Amino acid sequence: MTLTEALTALLTEYELEGFIEFVRDDAKADPAWEGLSHDHPRVKRFQEVCQTLRKVLAGDPRHGWER
């Protein structure tokens, strides 16, 4: 399995972006954070990671997604 195939599987078969609720739950447990969980830096970073992976894979014609 190539790196591209692995990343594609994480985003499509395993729906990585759906794990945002786990990241938000973890953020809610952060005693130093007083804001909403969706604004927590860890949550924002997870969202950025997912978006970046999709953008990178969008440039690879083997994945089958539209650009």
Protein backbone atom coordinates (compact mmCIF):
# COMPACT_ATOMS: atom_id res chain seq x y z
CA MET A 1 0.00 0.00 0.00
CA THR A 2 1.33 3.40 -0.93
CA LEU A 3 1.08 6.50 1.23
CA THR A 4 -1.54 7.89 -1.15
CA GLU A 5 -3.61 4.72 -0.86
CA ALA A 6 -3.35 4.81 2.93
CA LEU A 7 -4.41 8.45 3.16
CA THR A 8 -7.26 7.87 0.73
CA ALA A 9 -8.46 4.94 2.84
CA LEU A 10 -8.36 7.04 6.01
CA LEU A 11 -10.49 9.73 4.40
CA THR A 12 -12.93 7.52 2.53
CA GLU A 13 -13.20 4.04 4.06
CA TYR A 14 -12.54 5.09 7.64
CA GLU A 15 -14.03 8.60 7.37
CA LEU A 16 -11.27 10.32 9.34
CA GLU A 17 -13.18 13.59 9.50
CA GLY A 18 -15.93 11.83 11.44
CA PHE A 19 -13.54 11.45 14.37
CA ILE A 20 -13.84 15.17 15.08
CA GLU A 21 -16.20 14.39 17.96
CA PHE A 22 -13.46 12.42 19.72
CA VAL A 23 -11.10 15.36 19.32
CA ARG A 24 -13.77 17.73 20.62
CA ASP A 25 -14.42 15.46 23.62
CA ASP A 26 -10.72 15.56 24.38
CA ALA A 27 -10.78 19.37 24.11
CA LYS A 28 -13.72 19.55 26.53
CA ALA A 29 -11.55 17.79 29.10
CA ASP A 30 -8.85 20.47 28.85
CA PRO A 31 -9.07 22.42 32.12
CA ALA A 32 -7.05 25.29 30.67
CA TRP A 33 -9.58 25.90 27.86
CA GLU A 34 -12.61 28.02 28.68
CA GLY A 35 -14.06 28.44 25.20
CA LEU A 36 -16.25 26.20 23.08
CA SER A 37 -14.72 22.88 22.11
CA HIS A 38 -15.03 23.59 18.38
CA ASP A 39 -12.72 26.59 18.86
CA HIS A 40 -10.05 24.63 20.75
CA PRO A 41 -6.64 24.74 19.02
CA ARG A 42 -6.47 20.93 18.94
CA VAL A 43 -9.82 20.74 17.16
CA LYS A 44 -8.84 23.45 14.68
CA ARG A 45 -5.57 21.62 13.97
CA PHE A 46 -7.39 18.31 13.36
CA GLN A 47 -9.72 20.05 10.90
CA GLU A 48 -6.73 21.64 9.17
CA VAL A 49 -5.02 18.25 8.90
CA CYS A 50 -8.08 16.72 7.25
CA GLN A 51 -8.45 19.64 4.84
CA THR A 52 -4.76 19.49 3.93
CA LEU A 53 -4.92 15.76 3.25
CA ARG A 54 -7.92 16.24 0.97
CA LYS A 55 -6.18 19.07 -0.91
CA VAL A 56 -3.03 17.02 -1.41
CA LEU A 57 -4.97 13.98 -2.57
CA ALA A 58 -7.06 16.17 -4.89
CA GLY A 59 -3.90 16.70 -6.93
CA ASP A 60 -3.37 12.94 -7.33
CA PRO A 61 -5.32 11.48 -10.27
CA ARG A 62 -5.32 7.96 -8.73
CA HIS A 63 -7.82 8.78 -5.98
CA GLY A 64 -10.90 9.31 -8.16
CA TRP A 65 -12.09 12.56 -6.55
CA GLU A 66 -13.04 15.64 -8.48
CA ARG A 67 -10.66 18.57 -8.33
